[in-house]
Each structure stands twice: as structure tokens, then as C-alpha cells.
């Protein structure tokens, strides 16, 4: 599963529960809803971010990437 951060469009923050329900219907496993920020975090199957981006009220979907530094020599 890919970790994702979904930004909800400013005009849809007032209807956040509906957007969250639609994200779940699109396959997202919702972990956290940050109402004050209009952000929803969770996970989706690899490549599923496109489905989430098509949900009405979604402004942006970002896949959370892990960054690793090489070991010190």
C-alpha cells in the first residue's frame, strides 16, 4: 500500500465528511482527517492515487515517499 496525503479543495472543506466517504469508496484506507487543514491521510493500493484525484472536492493527491540517506563512511 502507498501512503497518501490528500488535500481537499477550499470550496469542499465544509463538506469534508462527504469527500472522506467518497475517498473510502475510491479505495482509500483513511487513517487521519485533519479538518482544520482540509487534509486526509491514509493509504491506497499502488497506482490508486489517480482514482483518488478524480474524487469531487479533491485538490491534490501526493504519494508519501520515504527518503533514505546513505550510511556515513
Protein backbone atom coordinates (compact mmCIF):
# COMPACT_ATOMS: atom_id res chain seq x y z
CA UNK A 1 0.00 0.00 0.00
CA UNK A 2 1.15 3.53 -0.80
CA UNK A 3 0.81 6.17 1.90
CA UNK A 4 -1.02 9.23 0.54
CA UNK A 5 -1.83 12.76 1.60
CA UNK A 6 -4.98 14.21 0.05
CA UNK A 7 -5.64 17.96 0.02
CA UNK A 8 -9.30 18.90 -0.12
CA UNK A 9 -10.28 21.90 -2.26
CA UNK A 10 -11.10 25.06 -0.31
CA UNK A 11 -14.68 25.03 -1.57
CA UNK A 12 -15.23 21.47 -0.35
CA UNK A 13 -13.82 21.69 3.19
CA UNK A 14 -17.29 22.47 4.55
CA UNK A 15 -18.46 19.13 3.10
CA UNK A 16 -15.44 17.15 4.33
CA UNK A 17 -17.41 14.09 5.56
CA UNK A 18 -18.80 13.58 2.04
CA UNK A 19 -15.34 13.88 0.49
CA UNK A 20 -13.90 11.41 3.03
CA UNK A 21 -16.70 8.93 2.28
CA UNK A 22 -16.00 9.25 -1.47
CA UNK A 23 -12.28 8.67 -0.85
CA UNK A 24 -13.13 5.48 1.03
CA UNK A 25 -15.41 4.39 -1.83
CA UNK A 26 -12.48 5.01 -4.22
CA UNK A 27 -10.34 2.56 -2.23
CA UNK A 28 -8.53 4.74 0.29
CA UNK A 29 -7.94 3.42 3.79
CA UNK A 30 -8.36 6.65 5.76
CA UNK A 31 -6.05 6.98 8.76
CA UNK A 32 -6.46 10.60 9.76
CA UNK A 33 -8.74 13.52 8.88
CA UNK A 34 -7.22 16.92 9.68
CA UNK A 35 -10.36 19.04 9.47
CA UNK A 36 -8.71 22.38 10.19
CA UNK A 37 -6.22 21.85 7.37
CA UNK A 38 -8.53 20.16 4.88
CA UNK A 39 -6.15 17.21 4.65
CA UNK A 40 -6.82 13.46 4.72
CA UNK A 41 -4.05 10.91 5.20
CA UNK A 42 -4.14 7.19 4.58
CA UNK A 43 -3.13 4.51 2.14
CA UNK A 44 -4.18 3.13 -1.22
CA UNK A 45 -3.08 0.29 -3.46
CA UNK A 46 -0.08 1.19 -5.65
CA UNK A 47 -1.28 3.30 -8.56
CA UNK A 48 -4.59 4.10 -6.86
CA UNK A 49 -3.81 7.78 -6.44
CA UNK A 50 -5.35 8.60 -9.82
CA UNK A 51 -8.74 7.32 -8.62
CA UNK A 52 -8.47 9.50 -5.53
CA UNK A 53 -7.62 12.56 -7.65
CA UNK A 54 -10.86 12.07 -9.58
CA UNK A 55 -13.00 12.34 -6.41
CA UNK A 56 -15.06 15.55 -6.42
CA UNK A 57 -13.65 18.01 -3.90
CA UNK A 58 -10.07 16.71 -4.06
CA UNK A 59 -7.49 19.34 -4.96
CA UNK A 60 -4.31 17.25 -4.86
CA UNK A 61 -3.06 13.75 -4.05
CA UNK A 62 0.53 13.25 -3.00
CA UNK A 63 2.16 9.87 -2.54
CA UNK A 64 4.31 9.88 0.59
CA UNK A 65 7.83 8.81 -0.30
CA UNK A 66 10.46 7.58 2.12
CA UNK A 67 13.85 9.20 1.72
CA UNK A 68 16.92 7.35 2.90
CA UNK A 69 20.39 8.73 3.26
CA UNK A 70 23.40 6.56 2.53
CA UNK A 71 25.34 5.34 5.55
CA UNK A 72 28.18 7.53 6.73
CA UNK A 73 31.61 6.39 5.67
